[in-house]
Every structure is written in C-alpha cells, then in structure tokens.
C-alpha atoms as a PDB file:
ATOM      1  CA  MET A   1      -0.292   0.082   0.037  1.00  0.00           C
ATOM      2  CA  LYS A   2       1.275   3.381  -0.997  1.00  0.00           C
ATOM      3  CA  LYS A   3       1.788   5.499   1.178  1.00  0.00           C
ATOM      4  CA  PHE A   4       1.378   9.640   0.205  1.00  0.00           C
ATOM      5  CA  LYS A   5       3.449  12.325   2.029  1.00  0.00           C
ATOM      6  CA  LYS A   6       2.113  15.302   3.179  1.00  0.00           C
ATOM      7  CA  HIS A   7       2.466  19.097   1.623  1.00  0.00           C
ATOM      8  CA  PHE A   8       2.273  21.738   4.166  1.00  0.00           C
ATOM      9  CA  ALA A   9       0.870  25.084   2.700  1.00  0.00           C
ATOM     10  CA  PHE A  10       0.303  28.342   4.456  1.00  0.00           C
ATOM     11  CA  THR A  11      -3.264  29.012   4.985  1.00  0.00           C
ATOM     12  CA  MET A  12      -4.894  32.386   4.051  1.00  0.00           C
ATOM     13  CA  VAL A  13      -4.961  33.547   7.287  1.00  0.00           C
ATOM     14  CA  GLU A  14      -1.424  32.970   8.011  1.00  0.00           C
ATOM     15  CA  MET A  15      -0.676  34.570   4.413  1.00  0.00           C
ATOM     16  CA  VAL A  16      -2.809  37.708   5.395  1.00  0.00           C
ATOM     17  CA  PHE A  17      -1.006  38.222   8.374  1.00  0.00           C
ATOM     18  CA  VAL A  18       2.685  37.493   6.972  1.00  0.00           C
ATOM     19  CA  ILE A  19       1.720  40.539   4.218  1.00  0.00           C
ATOM     20  CA  VAL A  20       0.545  42.673   7.541  1.00  0.00           C
ATOM     21  CA  ILE A  21       3.830  42.192   8.711  1.00  0.00           C
ATOM     22  CA  LEU A  22       5.877  42.912   5.639  1.00  0.00           C
ATOM     23  CA  GLY A  23       3.473  46.029   5.058  1.00  0.00           C
ATOM     24  CA  ILE A  24       4.302  47.099   8.745  1.00  0.00           C
ATOM     25  CA  VAL A  25       8.028  46.662   8.408  1.00  0.00           C
ATOM     26  CA  ALA A  26       8.083  48.264   4.650  1.00  0.00           C
ATOM     27  CA  ALA A  27       6.024  51.211   6.424  1.00  0.00           C
ATOM     28  CA  ILE A  28       7.939  51.467   9.159  1.00  0.00           C
ATOM     29  CA  GLY A  29      11.252  51.046   7.075  1.00  0.00           C
ATOM     30  CA  SER A  30      10.357  53.897   4.623  1.00  0.00           C
ATOM     31  CA  SER A  31       9.665  56.440   7.042  1.00  0.00           C
ATOM     32  CA  ILE A  32      13.183  56.112   8.411  1.00  0.00           C
ATOM     33  CA  ILE A  33      14.822  56.450   5.222  1.00  0.00           C
ATOM     34  CA  ALA A  34      12.205  59.440   4.689  1.00  0.00           C
ATOM     35  CA  LYS A  35      13.460  60.901   7.971  1.00  0.00           C
ATOM     36  CA  ILE A  36      17.061  59.951   6.959  1.00  0.00           C
ATOM     37  CA  TYR A  37      16.661  62.124   3.550  1.00  0.00           C
ATOM     38  CA  GLN A  38      14.816  64.832   4.950  1.00  0.00           C
ATOM     39  CA  SER A  39      17.791  65.426   7.420  1.00  0.00           C
ATOM     40  CA  TYR A  40      20.112  65.095   4.942  1.00  0.00           C
ATOM     41  CA  ILE A  41      18.481  67.694   2.953  1.00  0.00           C
ATOM     42  CA  TYR A  42      18.271  69.833   6.167  1.00  0.00           C
ATOM     43  CA  SER A  43      22.034  69.550   6.941  1.00  0.00           C
ATOM     44  CA  ARG A  44      23.432  70.092   3.627  1.00  0.00           C
ATOM     45  CA  SER A  45      20.779  73.130   3.326  1.00  0.00           C
ATOM     46  CA  ILE A  46      22.126  74.916   6.477  1.00  0.00           C
ATOM     47  CA  ASN A  47      25.742  74.101   5.962  1.00  0.00           C
ATOM     48  CA  GLU A  48      25.145  75.830   2.119  1.00  0.00           C
ATOM     49  CA  LEU A  49      23.387  78.794   3.823  1.00  0.00           C
ATOM     50  CA  GLN A  50      26.176  78.935   6.656  1.00  0.00           C
ATOM     51  CA  THR A  51      29.157  79.339   4.097  1.00  0.00           C
ATOM     52  CA  LYS A  52      27.333  81.749   1.729  1.00  0.00           C
ATOM     53  CA  THR A  53      26.270  83.857   4.427  1.00  0.00           C
ATOM     54  CA  GLU A  54      30.001  84.052   5.859  1.00  0.00           C
ATOM     55  CA  LEU A  55      31.178  84.831   2.858  1.00  0.00           C
ATOM     56  CA  ALA A  56      28.639  87.444   2.297  1.00  0.00           C
ATOM     57  CA  LEU A  57      29.214  89.157   5.667  1.00  0.00           C
ATOM     58  CA  MET A  58      33.318  88.571   5.172  1.00  0.00           C
ATOM     59  CA  GLN A  59      32.935  90.506   1.814  1.00  0.00           C
ATOM     60  CA  ILE A  60      30.855  93.748   3.256  1.00  0.00           C
ATOM     61  CA  SER A  61      33.073  93.400   6.116  1.00  0.00           C
ATOM     62  CA  LYS A  62      36.070  94.035   4.318  1.00  0.00           C
ATOM     63  CA  PHE A  63      34.438  96.767   2.560  1.00  0.00           C
ATOM     64  CA  LEU A  64      33.378  98.313   5.496  1.00  0.00           C
ATOM     65  CA  SER A  65      37.021  98.114   7.444  1.00  0.00           C
ATOM     66  CA  TYR A  66      38.192 100.787   4.656  1.00  0.00           C
ATOM     67  CA  ARG A  67      35.373 103.117   5.071  1.00  0.00           C
ATOM     68  CA  ILE A  68      35.375 106.542   6.154  1.00  0.00           C
ATOM     69  CA  LYS A  69      34.462 106.221   9.566  1.00  0.00           C
ATOM     70  CA  SER A  70      32.508 109.827   9.836  1.00  0.00           C
ATOM     71  CA  SER A  71      30.784 109.188   5.858  1.00  0.00           C
ATOM     72  CA  VAL A  72      28.719 106.293   6.605  1.00  0.00           C
ATOM     73  CA  ILE A  73      25.156 106.776   6.393  1.00  0.00           C
ATOM     74  CA  ALA A  74      21.712 104.512   6.804  1.00  0.00           C
ATOM     75  CA  ARG A  75      19.430 105.591   4.155  1.00  0.00           C
ATOM     76  CA  LYS A  76      15.411 105.432   2.954  1.00  0.00           C
ATOM     77  CA  SER A  77      15.583 107.116  -0.469  1.00  0.00           C
ATOM     78  CA  GLN A  78      18.065 109.591  -2.106  1.00  0.00           C
ATOM     79  CA  THR A  79      16.734 112.155  -0.267  1.00  0.00           C
ATOM     80  CA  ASP A  80      15.980 110.517   3.166  1.00  0.00           C
ATOM     81  CA  PHE A  81      19.316 109.521   4.631  1.00  0.00           C
ATOM     82  CA  LYS A  82      20.535 109.919   7.938  1.00  0.00           C
ATOM     83  CA  ALA A  83      24.758 109.379   9.464  1.00  0.00           C
ATOM     84  CA  LEU A  84      24.583 105.715  10.836  1.00  0.00           C
ATOM     85  CA  ASN A  85      24.802 106.561  14.492  1.00  0.00           C
ATOM     86  CA  ASP A  86      21.464 108.337  14.169  1.00  0.00           C
ATOM     87  CA  ALA A  87      19.402 106.313  12.335  1.00  0.00           C
ATOM     88  CA  ASN A  88      17.029 103.341  13.193  1.00  0.00           C
ATOM     89  CA  GLY A  89      16.115 100.139  11.607  1.00  0.00           C
ATOM     90  CA  SER A  90      13.596 101.823   9.143  1.00  0.00           C
ATOM     91  CA  TYR A  91      16.914 102.895   7.434  1.00  0.00           C
ATOM     92  CA  PRO A  92      17.458  99.889   5.096  1.00  0.00           C
ATOM     93  CA  ILE A  93      20.607 100.767   3.088  1.00  0.00           C
ATOM     94  CA  LEU A  94      23.945 100.861   4.197  1.00  0.00           C
ATOM     95  CA  GLU A  95      26.035 103.065   2.034  1.00  0.00           C
ATOM     96  CA  TRP A  96      29.519 104.810   3.202  1.00  0.00           C
ATOM     97  CA  ILE A  97      32.765 106.343   0.869  1.00  0.00           C
ATOM     98  CA  GLY A  98      35.907 104.068   1.105  1.00  0.00           C
ATOM     99  CA  TYR A  99      39.441 104.971   0.845  1.00  0.00           C
ATOM    100  CA  ASN A 100      41.960 103.126  -1.719  1.00  0.00           C
ATOM    101  CA  ASN A 101      43.428 100.739   0.109  1.00  0.00           C
ATOM    102  CA  GLU A 102      45.217  98.855  -2.266  1.00  0.00           C
ATOM    103  CA  GLY A 103      46.940 101.974  -3.340  1.00  0.00           C
ATOM    104  CA  PHE A 104      48.008 102.755   0.184  1.00  0.00           C
ATOM    105  CA  GLU A 105      49.612  99.447   0.687  1.00  0.00           C
ATOM    106  CA  GLY A 106      51.749 100.035  -2.312  1.00  0.00           C
ATOM    107  CA  ASN A 107      53.753  97.616  -4.698  1.00  0.00           C
ATOM    108  CA  GLY A 108      55.587  96.194  -1.537  1.00  0.00           C
ATOM    109  CA  THR A 109      58.079  99.092  -1.052  1.00  0.00           C
ATOM    110  CA  ASP A 110      56.494 102.128  -1.635  1.00  0.00           C
ATOM    111  CA  PRO A 111      52.973 103.400  -1.060  1.00  0.00           C
ATOM    112  CA  GLY A 112      50.639 104.478  -3.722  1.00  0.00           C
ATOM    113  CA  TRP A 113      49.877 107.440  -1.197  1.00  0.00           C
ATOM    114  CA  SER A 114      51.423 107.952   1.965  1.00  0.00           C
ATOM    115  CA  GLY A 115      48.156 109.519   3.844  1.00  0.00           C
ATOM    116  CA  PHE A 116      50.727 112.184   5.285  1.00  0.00           C
ATOM    117  CA  VAL A 117      51.147 115.830   4.132  1.00  0.00           C
ATOM    118  CA  ASP A 118      54.425 117.727   4.652  1.00  0.00           C
ATOM    119  CA  LEU A 119      52.866 121.127   6.167  1.00  0.00           C
ATOM    120  CA  ASP A 120      55.938 122.509   6.150  1.00  0.00           C
ATOM    121  CA  SER A 121      56.811 122.074   2.551  1.00  0.00           C
ATOM    122  CA  PRO A 122      56.609 125.099  -0.119  1.00  0.00           C
ATOM    123  CA  GLU A 123      54.249 123.030  -2.240  1.00  0.00           C
ATOM    124  CA  THR A 124      51.784 122.715   0.371  1.00  0.00           C
ATOM    125  CA  ASN A 125      48.992 125.514   0.175  1.00  0.00           C
ATOM    126  CA  GLN A 126      45.434 125.930   0.041  1.00  0.00           C
ATOM    127  CA  THR A 127      45.541 124.894  -3.693  1.00  0.00           C
ATOM    128  CA  GLN A 128      47.590 121.259  -3.728  1.00  0.00           C
ATOM    129  CA  ILE A 129      49.787 119.512  -0.921  1.00  0.00           C
ATOM    130  CA  LYS A 130      53.209 117.670  -0.792  1.00  0.00           C
ATOM    131  CA  THR A 131      52.357 114.138   0.073  1.00  0.00           C
ATOM    132  CA  SER A 132      56.083 112.955   0.806  1.00  0.00           C
ATOM    133  CA  GLY A 133      56.837 109.274   0.493  1.00  0.00           C
ATOM    134  CA  SER A 134      53.822 108.751  -2.095  1.00  0.00           C
ATOM    135  CA  LYS A 135      54.250 107.000  -6.005  1.00  0.00           C
ATOM    136  CA  LEU A 136      50.934 108.247  -6.874  1.00  0.00           C
ATOM    137  CA  LEU A 137      52.000 107.080 -10.431  1.00  0.00           C
ATOM    138  CA  TYR A 138      50.986 103.427  -9.044  1.00  0.00           C
ATOM    139  CA  ALA A 139      48.215 105.149  -7.003  1.00  0.00           C
ATOM    140  CA  GLU A 140      46.903 106.220 -10.396  1.00  0.00           C
ATOM    141  CA  GLN A 141      47.461 103.065 -12.146  1.00  0.00           C
ATOM    142  CA  ASN A 142      45.743 101.170  -9.611  1.00  0.00           C
ATOM    143  CA  ILE A 143      42.725 103.383  -9.121  1.00  0.00           C
ATOM    144  CA  TYR A 144      42.336 103.049 -13.071  1.00  0.00           C
ATOM    145  CA  ALA A 145      42.286  99.666 -13.251  1.00  0.00           C
ATOM    146  CA  LEU A 146      39.941  99.101 -10.334  1.00  0.00           C
ATOM    147  CA  SER A 147      37.367 101.967 -11.507  1.00  0.00           C
ATOM    148  CA  ASN A 148      37.194 100.097 -15.007  1.00  0.00           C
ATOM    149  CA  GLY A 149      39.085 103.554 -16.559  1.00  0.00           C
ATOM    150  CA  GLU A 150      36.719 105.475 -14.954  1.00  0.00           C
ATOM    151  CA  VAL A 151      38.816 107.581 -12.683  1.00  0.00           C
ATOM    152  CA  ASN A 152      41.904 109.328 -13.971  1.00  0.00           C
ATOM    153  CA  LEU A 153      44.596 110.725 -11.467  1.00  0.00           C
ATOM    154  CA  SER A 154      45.957 112.683 -14.490  1.00  0.00           C
ATOM    155  CA  ASN A 155      43.386 113.732 -15.788  1.00  0.00           C
ATOM    156  CA  ALA A 156      42.376 117.475 -15.662  1.00  0.00           C
ATOM    157  CA  ASN A 157      38.703 116.547 -14.771  1.00  0.00           C
ATOM    158  CA  SER A 158      39.755 113.687 -12.314  1.00  0.00           C
ATOM    159  CA  SER A 159      37.150 112.445 -10.101  1.00  0.00           C
ATOM    160  CA  ALA A 160      39.628 110.864  -7.475  1.00  0.00           C
ATOM    161  CA  ALA A 161      39.547 112.983  -4.351  1.00  0.00           C
ATOM    162  CA  ILE A 162      40.880 113.417  -0.695  1.00  0.00           C
ATOM    163  CA  ILE A 163      39.070 113.697   2.627  1.00  0.00           C
ATOM    164  CA  PHE A 164      41.433 115.186   5.720  1.00  0.00           C
ATOM    165  CA  ASP A 165      41.116 113.303   9.119  1.00  0.00           C
ATOM    166  CA  GLY A 166      40.050 117.104  10.580  1.00  0.00           C
ATOM    167  CA  LEU A 167      36.490 117.328  11.089  1.00  0.00           C
ATOM    168  CA  PRO A 168      34.586 120.707  11.749  1.00  0.00           C
ATOM    169  CA  ASP A 169      32.758 121.239  14.937  1.00  0.00           C
ATOM    170  CA  ASP A 170      29.345 121.897  13.269  1.00  0.00           C
ATOM    171  CA  PHE A 171      30.248 118.464  11.031  1.00  0.00           C
ATOM    172  CA  ASN A 172      27.039 117.251   8.903  1.00  0.00           C
ATOM    173  CA  VAL A 173      27.575 113.996   7.188  1.00  0.00           C
ATOM    174  CA  SER A 174      25.781 115.355   4.105  1.00  0.00           C
ATOM    175  CA  GLN A 175      28.812 117.520   3.184  1.00  0.00           C
ATOM    176  CA  TYR A 176      30.150 113.856   1.888  1.00  0.00           C
ATOM    177  CA  GLY A 177      27.904 114.589  -0.918  1.00  0.00           C
ATOM    178  CA  TRP A 178      25.187 112.292  -0.105  1.00  0.00           C
ATOM    179  CA  ASP A 179      22.438 115.252  -1.073  1.00  0.00           C
ATOM    180  CA  ASN A 180      23.653 115.293  -4.561  1.00  0.00           C
ATOM    181  CA  GLY A 181      23.535 119.085  -4.510  1.00  0.00           C
ATOM    182  CA  GLY A 182      26.401 120.379  -6.146  1.00  0.00           C
ATOM    183  CA  THR A 183      30.010 121.418  -5.144  1.00  0.00           C
ATOM    184  CA  GLU A 184      28.450 123.522  -2.345  1.00  0.00           C
ATOM    185  CA  GLN A 185      27.356 120.026  -1.143  1.00  0.00           C
ATOM    186  CA  HIS A 186      30.488 118.309  -0.526  1.00  0.00           C
ATOM    187  CA  LYS A 187      33.015 120.527   1.324  1.00  0.00           C
ATOM    188  CA  TYR A 188      34.388 117.827   3.131  1.00  0.00           C
ATOM    189  CA  VAL A 189      35.438 116.166  -0.145  1.00  0.00           C
ATOM    190  CA  PHE A 190      38.533 117.843  -2.381  1.00  0.00           C
ATOM    191  CA  ARG A 191      39.026 116.654  -6.065  1.00  0.00           C
ATOM    192  CA  VAL A 192      42.438 116.356  -6.716  1.00  0.00           C
ATOM    193  CA  GLN A 193      44.842 115.683  -9.926  1.00  0.00           C
ATOM    194  CA  LYS A 194      48.238 113.981  -9.671  1.00  0.00           C
ATOM    195  CA  SER A 195      50.661 116.853 -10.471  1.00  0.00           C
ATOM    196  CA  GLY A 196      54.515 115.430 -10.269  1.00  0.00           C
ATOM    197  CA  SER A 197      55.303 112.262  -8.010  1.00  0.00           C
ATOM    198  CA  ASP A 198      54.131 113.315  -4.849  1.00  0.00           C
ATOM    199  CA  VAL A 199      51.808 116.593  -5.264  1.00  0.00           C
ATOM    200  CA  LEU A 200      48.132 116.490  -5.454  1.00  0.00           C
ATOM    201  CA  LYS A 201      46.063 119.630  -6.902  1.00  0.00           C
ATOM    202  CA  PHE A 202      42.915 120.628  -6.077  1.00  0.00           C
ATOM    203  CA  ILE A 203      40.426 120.632  -8.764  1.00  0.00           C
ATOM    204  CA  ASN A 204      37.558 123.624  -8.748  1.00  0.00           C
ATOM    205  CA  GLN A 205      38.161 123.764  -4.788  1.00  0.00           C
ATOM    206  CA  ASN A 206      40.525 124.829  -2.232  1.00  0.00           C
ATOM    207  CA  ALA A 207      41.178 123.485   0.616  1.00  0.00           C
ATOM    208  CA  PRO A 208      40.063 126.226   3.771  1.00  0.00           C
ATOM    209  CA  THR A 209      41.964 124.223   6.092  1.00  0.00           C
ATOM    210  CA  VAL A 210      44.875 121.121   5.534  1.00  0.00           C
ATOM    211  CA  TYR A 211      45.136 118.880   8.156  1.00  0.00           C
ATOM    212  CA  GLU A 212      48.509 116.574   7.891  1.00  0.00           C
ATOM    213  CA  HIS A 213      46.776 113.170   7.153  1.00  0.00           C
ATOM    214  CA  TYR A 214      44.290 112.698   4.400  1.00  0.00           C
ATOM    215  CA  LYS A 215      42.651 109.488   2.523  1.00  0.00           C
ATOM    216  CA  LEU A 216      42.606 109.342  -0.927  1.00  0.00           C
ATOM    217  CA  VAL A 217      38.885 107.747  -2.409  1.00  0.00           C
ATOM    218  CA  TRP A 218      37.492 107.310  -5.680  1.00  0.00           C
ATOM    219  CA  SER A 219      34.593 105.334  -4.760  1.00  0.00           C
ATOM    220  CA  ALA A 220      31.551 105.197  -2.664  1.00  0.00           C
ATOM    221  CA  TYR A 221      29.883 101.833  -1.611  1.00  0.00           C
ATOM    222  CA  ALA A 222      26.027 100.821  -0.782  1.00  0.00           C
ATOM    223  CA  ILE A 223      24.766  97.753   0.325  1.00  0.00           C
ATOM    224  CA  VAL A 224      20.810  97.536  -1.146  1.00  0.00           C
ATOM    225  CA  PRO A 225      18.279  95.045  -0.408  1.00  0.00           C
ATOM    226  CA  GLN A 226      15.773  94.626  -3.346  1.00  0.00           C
ATOM    227  CA  GLY A 227      12.838  92.806  -3.870  1.00  0.00           C
ATOM    228  CA  PRO A 228       9.539  91.529  -1.874  1.00  0.00           C
ATOM    229  CA  ARG A 229      10.103  91.333   2.228  1.00  0.00           C
ATOM    230  CA  GLY A 230      10.964  88.057   3.339  1.00  0.00           C
ATOM    231  CA  ASP A 231      12.752  87.361  -0.123  1.00  0.00           C
ATOM    232  CA  LYS A 232      15.535  90.104  -0.992  1.00  0.00           C
ATOM    233  CA  ASN A 233      18.306  90.094  -3.050  1.00  0.00           C
ATOM    234  CA  LEU A 234      21.273  91.825  -1.278  1.00  0.00           C
ATOM    235  CA  THR A 235      23.411  93.993  -3.404  1.00  0.00           C
ATOM    236  CA  LEU A 236      26.603  95.865  -3.667  1.00  0.00           C
ATOM    237  CA  TYR A 237      26.709  98.863  -5.421  1.00  0.00           C
ATOM    238  CA  TYR A 238      30.036 100.551  -6.492  1.00  0.00           C
ATOM    239  CA  ASN A 239      32.213 102.748  -8.558  1.00  0.00           C
ATOM    240  CA  PHE A 240      30.225 105.738  -7.828  1.00  0.00           C
ATOM    241  CA  ARG A 241      31.113 108.930  -6.329  1.00  0.00           C
ATOM    242  CA  PRO A 242      28.336 110.884  -4.412  1.00  0.00           C
ATOM    243  CA  TRP A 243      30.593 114.401  -4.692  1.00  0.00           C
ATOM    244  CA  MET A 244      30.173 113.832  -8.201  1.00  0.00           C
ATOM    245  CA  ASP A 245      26.513 114.090  -8.121  1.00  0.00           C
ATOM    246  CA  GLU A 246      26.471 110.339  -8.469  1.00  0.00           C
ATOM    247  CA  ASN A 247      24.270 107.494  -6.456  1.00  0.00           C
ATOM    248  CA  ASP A 248      24.771 104.255  -6.583  1.00  0.00           C
ATOM    249  CA  THR A 249      22.487 103.771  -9.829  1.00  0.00           C
ATOM    250  CA  ASN A 250      25.308 105.180 -11.585  1.00  0.00           C
ATOM    251  CA  GLY A 251      27.596 102.319 -10.067  1.00  0.00           C
ATOM    252  CA  SER A 252      28.357  98.935 -10.640  1.00  0.00           C
ATOM    253  CA  SER A 253      26.924  96.446  -8.776  1.00  0.00           C
ATOM    254  CA  SER A 254      27.190  92.615  -7.741  1.00  0.00           C
ATOM    255  CA  THR A 255      24.421  90.261  -5.827  1.00  0.00           C
ATOM    256  CA  LEU A 256      25.897  89.120  -2.641  1.00  0.00           C
ATOM    257  CA  MET A 257      22.848  86.930  -1.427  1.00  0.00           C
ATOM    258  CA  GLU A 258      19.834  86.020  -2.767  1.00  0.00           C
ATOM    259  CA  HIS A 259      16.564  85.222  -0.628  1.00  0.00           C
ATOM    260  CA  VAL A 260      17.231  87.358   2.063  1.00  0.00           C
ATOM    261  CA  THR A 261      14.737  87.879   5.115  1.00  0.00           C
ATOM    262  CA  THR A 262      16.665  90.251   6.995  1.00  0.00           C
ATOM    263  CA  PHE A 263      19.556  92.564   6.981  1.00  0.00           C
ATOM    264  CA  ARG A 264      20.237  94.995   9.876  1.00  0.00           C
ATOM    265  CA  PHE A 265      22.903  97.012  11.014  1.00  0.00           C
ATOM    266  CA  ARG A 266      23.733  99.456  13.471  1.00  0.00           C
ATOM    267  CA  GLN A 267      26.692 101.351  15.000  1.00  0.00           C
ATOM    268  CA  ILE A 268      27.903 100.936  18.325  1.00  0.00           C
ATOM    269  CA  GLY A 269      30.846 103.121  19.152  1.00  0.00           C
ATOM    270  CA  GLU A 270      33.853 102.717  16.723  1.00  0.00           C
ATOM    271  CA  THR A 271      32.140  99.627  15.166  1.00  0.00           C
ATOM    272  CA  ILE A 272      29.101  98.350  12.933  1.00  0.00           C
ATOM    273  CA  ARG A 273      27.214  95.424  13.519  1.00  0.00           C
ATOM    274  CA  LEU A 274      25.310  93.382  11.058  1.00  0.00           C
ATOM    275  CA  LYS A 275      22.830  90.683  10.842  1.00  0.00           C
ATOM    276  CA  LEU A 276      21.928  88.849   7.915  1.00  0.00           C
ATOM    277  CA  CYS A 277      19.684  86.014   7.657  1.00  0.00           C
ATOM    278  CA  VAL A 278      18.927  84.363   4.932  1.00  0.00           C
ATOM    279  CA  SER A 279      16.347  81.352   3.730  1.00  0.00           C
ATOM    280  CA  ASN A 280      16.444  78.201   1.450  1.00  0.00           C
ATOM    281  CA  PRO A 281      13.294  76.940   0.098  1.00  0.00           C
ATOM    282  CA  THR A 282      14.060  73.477  -0.210  1.00  0.00           C
ATOM    283  CA  ALA A 283      10.285  72.242  -0.040  1.00  0.00           C
ATOM    284  CA  SER A 284       6.679  73.467  -0.696  1.00  0.00           C
ATOM    285  CA  ASP A 285       5.796  72.884   2.713  1.00  0.00           C
ATOM    286  CA  PHE A 286       8.803  74.452   4.708  1.00  0.00           C
ATOM    287  CA  ASN A 287      11.811  76.648   4.384  1.00  0.00           C
ATOM    288  CA  ILE A 288      15.041  76.552   6.097  1.00  0.00           C
ATOM    289  CA  THR A 289      16.373  80.008   7.574  1.00  0.00           C
ATOM    290  CA  PHE A 290      19.728  80.960   9.121  1.00  0.00           C
ATOM    291  CA  CYS A 291      21.059  83.840  10.592  1.00  0.00           C
ATOM    292  CA  LYS A 292      24.295  85.004  11.480  1.00  0.00           C
ATOM    293  CA  GLU A 293      26.045  88.402  12.852  1.00  0.00           C
ATOM    294  CA  GLU A 294      29.209  89.988  12.606  1.00  0.00           C
ATOM    295  CA  VAL A 295      30.640  93.019  14.295  1.00  0.00           C
ATOM    296  CA  VAL A 296      33.208  95.337  12.048  1.00  0.00           C
ATOM    297  CA  PHE A 297      35.845  97.103  13.650  1.00  0.00           C
ATOM    298  CA  TRP A 298      37.372 100.679  12.198  1.00  0.00           C
ATOM    299  CA  LYS A 299      40.961  99.622  10.547  1.00  0.00           C
ATOM    300  CA  GLU A 300      42.869 102.650  11.516  1.00  0.00           C
ATOM    301  CA  VAL A 301      45.592 103.477   8.910  1.00  0.00           C
ATOM    302  CA  ASP A 302      48.973 102.656   9.590  1.00  0.00           C
ATOM    303  CA  PHE A 303      50.696 105.904   8.553  1.00  0.00           C
ATOM    304  CA  PRO A 304      54.008 105.917   7.907  1.00  0.00           C
ATOM    305  CA  CYS A 305      56.373 106.958  11.490  1.00  0.00           C
ATOM    306  CA  CYS A 306      58.655 109.764   9.057  1.00  0.00           C
ATOM    307  CA  LEU A 307      59.171 111.363   6.002  1.00  0.00           C
ATOM    308  CA  PRO A 308      62.344 109.251   4.094  1.00  0.00           C
END
C-alpha cells in the first residue's frame, strides 16, 4: 500500500498575517529612510546657507573695514538719510565712502599714497599738497584699473578725491555729497589731480584748512536689499561718487546674496554690527533659515612714521 507524503502550505489567514507584517515593516522602513533623507537635505541646506552667509558678511566686512568712518550713512531714499549713529531700523540701505586701500598698501616697498601731508613744504598750500613718500603713479594705475578706467588721477577732470582726517565742530554728514546737490554739498571731499610724483593739486575747490593726514578715495559703496519682503536680494553697489553728484544707480553692482529675509545694521562706538538672515526654500511646505551676526571694526590707517 502506497504512502502519500503530506504537503504543508500557508493558510489564507497566515498569508494575510505575513502580508500585514511585511507592510508594517515596509512602512516603518520607508518612514525611517524618508526621515534620514530629510535630515540630510536639512543639514546640507544649513551648511550651504552658513557658507554663503559667511562669505557675504566677509565681503561686506572687508569693504567696511576701509570706510571713511564719519561718512557712513543709513538711507531710505535718495533724499532721506541719516548718519549711521543717528539712524534706526527703518533705514534699510547702508552706504559709505571707502578709501583706496590697495593703493595705500603700494607695491610692497612704497605706498601709492602715503596719507601724510608735508605741512612744512612750500609746495603745500590751499591749492595743493605735498604728500611726501607717495608714489602717485602707482596709485593712479591702481585706481584706473579698479574703476574700469572711469577714474584717471592724471586727468584735469579727475574724480578721485582726498578727505582730511580733521572735521569741523559743526559736522554735517551730508557734506560728503550724499545730497547730490553740487559743489557746496561736498565740502569735506576735495577732488585732486596728480601733479608730479608726490603732489596732489585741488580741482575747482581750494581747501580752507589743510590737515596733516588724508585718505585718497575714488568710490562710494552701498549695500541695498532689493525685492519683496522676506525674499530679497542683497546687492553691493560701487564705482560711484557722491561728490560728483552720482548715486548708486550710476555705479556697478554685484549680487552678494539671494533669498535674504533680514539685513540689519547699527553702529556701536567704533564698530558696526551686522545681522544677515537667509532662507533656502527646499520644499513647498517649509523653509530653512540661517542667521549670522558680524562685528566690523574700524581699520586704522598705519601712516608712515617718518619722512624719507
């Protein structure tokens, strides 16, 4: 008599049970994978925002460190501005005049401009200054290159200028030319032309008082948030001269940062405190925002200790 082997198989209930368990495991696994991926996206976005924000603040800080300290303003419009230490958060634009640091540092041995006026020289008077120790040819070449050929220190219509360190008791920040109102509106800025290797001649405006120290300038700078609230582009404007009745719209521009939610600044003593917040819309249902603050100190010009 033949014996038959018994064949075992899953029952319908067992099959359903296994399928349910596999479904639960798959759901848990996919949830874990989704969370890991979301965490990766979040971390990557934070790292990208941190790097970009730090680079933007580093660029702003570098330009601000070579500012003419008393020239810094906060602006709402071309006609509504205040000295930075008098402004509040309702003034969104930061603007200043910067001195020619590259020319001051020179070619490694001699400065393009020394920042020193030889008050004892017969060549120093209300129409010109003797700036001993300067190699103005280098300063001329440097400014010409930086301004894309717009500023020529040897030209009789040169728009390069000097600003003396001394300020009057009745100081008015608008006298740097921020009003765009003609010569009488920039009494602190004196346009100059190179005359020889170390003499700067005033153009169309004699200096009522000649001080011992000066700074050579060729451009103003502006940090302008542009766009809808909460999603602005932060733009740097440069290569414009308020003492020539120009404003930021006359200059060149470069986008420093996109998707800016906050740009704040205020002056505290000798420093400027900056706050920059940037978002990165990684999905339709949430944004990632990163904020960073920076303190910018005023860089003191290291004038030569003595005449050659």
